[in-house]
Amino acid sequence: MPEEQIGTVEHFFDHIGVAAVRLTGDLAVGDTIHVKGHTTDVSTSVDSMQIEHETVQKAGAGDAVGIRIPEKVRQHDAVFKVTA
């Protein structure tokens, strides 16, 4: 499936399983993302997203969002949106 890079992981909060992602493209709840890095390869659906502890349905370039991710990801990992 084609993928488009839409951001980078800035931090991962182990205790709550949330990645802080700085976006360079658009992302919405319901999209599928693929996080790739040196030792990371995780695909997941975006079930919820937050900006500054406020739940949002979509976000765009320049936004820093929190996304729950089922596995550990690392700082500087690339975040791709899977486009069907």
Protein backbone atom coordinates (compact mmCIF):
# COMPACT_ATOMS: atom_id res chain seq x y z
CA MET A 1 0.00 0.00 0.00
CA PRO A 2 1.24 3.50 -0.75
CA GLU A 3 2.43 5.58 2.20
CA GLU A 4 3.11 9.27 2.69
CA GLN A 5 5.33 10.61 5.49
CA ILE A 6 3.26 12.90 7.69
CA GLY A 7 5.39 13.35 10.79
CA THR A 8 8.09 12.34 13.25
CA VAL A 9 7.92 10.89 16.75
CA GLU A 10 9.18 13.47 19.27
CA HIS A 11 8.65 11.38 22.43
CA PHE A 12 7.08 8.13 23.60
CA PHE A 13 5.36 7.93 26.97
CA ASP A 14 5.89 4.28 28.05
CA HIS A 15 3.53 4.33 31.01
CA ILE A 16 0.49 5.36 28.91
CA GLY A 17 1.53 4.02 25.49
CA VAL A 18 1.25 7.39 23.75
CA ALA A 19 3.55 8.87 21.11
CA ALA A 20 3.99 12.62 20.74
CA VAL A 21 4.13 13.21 16.99
CA ARG A 22 5.08 16.45 15.21
CA LEU A 23 3.02 16.52 12.01
CA THR A 24 4.20 17.67 8.59
CA GLY A 25 0.94 16.59 6.92
CA ASP A 26 -2.73 15.98 7.67
CA LEU A 27 -3.97 13.21 9.94
CA ALA A 28 -7.49 12.30 11.08
CA VAL A 29 -9.08 9.81 13.46
CA GLY A 30 -9.73 6.63 11.48
CA ASP A 31 -6.54 6.90 9.40
CA THR A 32 -4.01 4.08 9.48
CA ILE A 33 -0.43 5.00 10.33
CA HIS A 34 2.85 3.11 9.95
CA VAL A 35 5.73 4.06 12.27
CA LYS A 36 9.15 3.10 10.93
CA GLY A 37 12.56 3.51 12.49
CA HIS A 38 15.86 1.77 13.13
CA THR A 39 14.22 -0.94 15.23
CA THR A 40 10.57 0.09 14.89
CA ASP A 41 7.92 -1.21 12.47
CA VAL A 42 4.39 -0.66 13.80
CA SER A 43 1.09 -0.20 11.96
CA THR A 44 -2.05 0.91 13.78
CA SER A 45 -5.33 2.69 13.29
CA VAL A 46 -5.68 6.15 14.85
CA ASP A 47 -8.55 5.66 17.33
CA SER A 48 -8.11 8.97 19.12
CA MET A 49 -5.82 11.95 18.97
CA GLN A 50 -5.12 14.82 21.34
CA ILE A 51 -3.54 18.27 21.14
CA GLU A 52 -2.67 19.77 24.55
CA HIS A 53 -4.94 17.21 26.30
CA GLU A 54 -7.92 18.18 24.12
CA THR A 55 -9.42 15.44 21.93
CA VAL A 56 -9.43 16.36 18.23
CA GLN A 57 -10.75 14.61 15.12
CA LYS A 58 -8.06 15.92 12.76
CA ALA A 59 -4.79 17.80 12.81
CA GLY A 60 -2.41 19.27 10.25
CA ALA A 61 1.15 20.31 9.53
CA GLY A 62 2.85 21.97 12.49
CA ASP A 63 0.59 20.38 15.11
CA ALA A 64 2.03 18.24 17.92
CA VAL A 65 -0.43 15.42 18.62
CA GLY A 66 -0.61 12.56 21.08
CA ILE A 67 -1.56 9.19 19.56
CA ARG A 68 -1.99 5.91 21.44
CA ILE A 69 0.30 3.27 19.89
CA PRO A 70 0.20 -0.42 20.92
CA GLU A 71 4.00 -0.94 20.82
CA LYS A 72 7.04 1.08 21.84
CA VAL A 73 8.22 3.61 19.27
CA ARG A 74 11.26 5.84 19.51
CA GLN A 75 12.20 9.47 19.11
CA HIS A 76 12.94 10.39 15.47
CA ASP A 77 10.95 7.44 14.06
CA ALA A 78 9.14 8.41 10.85
CA VAL A 79 5.34 8.38 10.83
CA PHE A 80 3.60 7.51 7.57
CA LYS A 81 -0.09 7.67 6.65
CA VAL A 82 -1.21 4.60 4.71
CA THR A 83 -3.16 5.79 1.67
CA ALA A 84 -5.48 3.29 0.03
